[in-house]
Amino acid sequence: MVEEFTRVLSEKARRVIREREGGYILLVAEILGKRLLFCLKESHAEYYYVKIIPEDDLSSLSCKEAEYSPLGLYAFSKSPVELAKKSYEKAIALVTRSERTIVY
C-alpha cells in the first residue's frame, strides 16, 4: 500500500522522501516549488487517509503535530493509487491557495 502511494506521488511530485514515524508514514514532497508533508496513517480499516499540510505551517516535520493542526487538508480512499492522486490534487490546491494569499 505504502509503495503504491509513494510511486504514484513520485510520478507527480519532486524529491519525495519517506520515513516511518510511529503509526504513520511521513512523506515530504516538493510540489510547484513548495515542500509539503503527507502523513499517511497506517490502518487496517477499509479506507486509507492522509493529511496534507505545507511544511511552512508546522514548527517540525511531525505527523503528530500535523494531526492536531487545524491547517491542511485530508484525502480518503479505498485505493492507494486513488489516494495518491487525490492527495496530489489537494496539495496543488494548498500551494496555489498560499500563492493567492495577500499579506498586508
Protein backbone atom coordinates (compact mmCIF):
# COMPACT_ATOMS: atom_id res chain seq x y z
CA MET A 1 0.00 0.00 0.00
CA VAL A 2 2.70 2.50 1.00
CA GLU A 3 4.82 1.54 -2.01
CA GLU A 4 1.96 2.21 -4.43
CA PHE A 5 1.13 5.55 -2.81
CA THR A 6 4.79 6.62 -2.89
CA ARG A 7 5.23 5.51 -6.51
CA VAL A 8 2.22 7.49 -7.76
CA LEU A 9 3.14 10.58 -5.74
CA SER A 10 6.75 10.37 -7.00
CA GLU A 11 5.49 10.40 -10.60
CA LYS A 12 3.81 13.76 -9.98
CA ALA A 13 5.97 15.48 -7.35
CA ARG A 14 9.67 16.17 -6.95
CA ARG A 15 12.02 14.92 -4.26
CA VAL A 16 9.74 12.57 -2.40
CA ILE A 17 11.29 11.41 0.87
CA ARG A 18 9.65 8.76 3.02
CA GLU A 19 10.16 7.53 6.58
CA ARG A 20 8.19 5.74 9.27
CA GLU A 21 7.06 7.79 12.26
CA GLY A 22 5.17 5.76 14.86
CA GLY A 23 1.87 4.67 13.32
CA TYR A 24 2.37 7.00 10.35
CA ILE A 25 4.32 7.09 7.15
CA LEU A 26 5.72 10.60 6.68
CA LEU A 27 6.36 11.72 3.13
CA VAL A 28 7.86 15.08 2.22
CA ALA A 29 7.43 16.15 -1.39
CA GLU A 30 8.13 19.26 -3.41
CA ILE A 31 5.18 20.44 -5.49
CA LEU A 32 5.30 23.66 -7.52
CA GLY A 33 8.38 24.73 -5.56
CA LYS A 34 6.80 24.23 -2.11
CA ARG A 35 7.51 21.40 0.32
CA LEU A 36 4.50 19.59 1.74
CA LEU A 37 4.06 16.86 4.32
CA PHE A 38 1.88 13.86 3.58
CA CYS A 39 1.05 11.97 6.77
CA LEU A 40 -0.29 8.59 5.79
CA LYS A 41 -1.97 6.77 8.65
CA GLU A 42 -1.42 3.04 8.77
CA SER A 43 -4.79 1.39 9.19
CA HIS A 44 -6.46 -1.96 8.92
CA ALA A 45 -9.78 -0.34 8.07
CA GLU A 46 -11.38 -0.30 4.64
CA TYR A 47 -10.30 3.29 3.91
CA TYR A 48 -6.85 4.87 3.89
CA TYR A 49 -6.34 8.51 4.74
CA VAL A 50 -3.61 11.08 4.51
CA LYS A 51 -3.23 14.60 5.86
CA ILE A 52 -1.55 17.08 3.56
CA ILE A 53 -0.03 20.24 5.02
CA PRO A 54 2.58 22.76 3.81
CA GLU A 55 5.87 22.46 5.65
CA ASP A 56 5.74 26.19 6.45
CA ASP A 57 2.57 25.66 8.52
CA LEU A 58 4.38 23.43 11.05
CA SER A 59 7.20 24.01 13.51
CA SER A 60 8.60 20.49 12.93
CA LEU A 61 8.35 17.65 10.43
CA SER A 62 6.00 15.66 12.61
CA CYS A 63 2.81 13.81 11.74
CA LYS A 64 1.68 14.14 15.36
CA GLU A 65 1.88 17.93 15.06
CA ALA A 66 0.18 17.83 11.64
CA GLU A 67 -2.63 15.65 13.00
CA TYR A 68 -3.56 18.23 15.64
CA SER A 69 -3.07 21.27 13.42
CA PRO A 70 -6.24 22.93 12.11
CA LEU A 71 -4.36 23.66 8.87
CA GLY A 72 -4.06 21.37 5.87
CA LEU A 73 -6.41 19.03 4.07
CA TYR A 74 -7.35 15.35 4.26
CA ALA A 75 -7.84 12.81 1.48
CA PHE A 76 -9.62 9.46 1.84
CA SER A 77 -9.81 6.44 -0.46
CA LYS A 78 -10.01 2.65 -0.54
CA SER A 79 -7.25 2.55 -3.17
CA PRO A 80 -3.66 3.71 -2.50
CA VAL A 81 -3.34 4.84 -6.13
CA GLU A 82 -6.52 6.91 -5.94
CA LEU A 83 -5.43 8.26 -2.56
CA ALA A 84 -2.14 9.48 -4.04
CA LYS A 85 -3.95 11.18 -6.93
CA LYS A 86 -6.43 12.89 -4.60
CA SER A 87 -3.59 13.91 -2.28
CA TYR A 88 -1.68 15.48 -5.15
CA GLU A 89 -4.75 17.46 -6.25
CA LYS A 90 -5.27 18.73 -2.70
CA ALA A 91 -1.57 19.60 -2.42
CA ILE A 92 -1.87 21.69 -5.59
CA ALA A 93 -4.88 23.47 -4.03
CA LEU A 94 -2.88 24.21 -0.87
CA VAL A 95 0.09 25.57 -2.81
CA THR A 96 -1.97 27.75 -5.13
CA ARG A 97 -4.09 28.97 -2.20
CA SER A 98 -0.97 30.17 -0.39
CA GLU A 99 0.22 31.93 -3.55
CA ARG A 100 -3.05 33.88 -3.70
CA THR A 101 -2.83 34.99 -0.07
CA ILE A 102 -2.19 38.71 0.19
CA VAL A 103 0.00 39.90 3.04
CA TYR A 104 -0.55 43.49 4.18
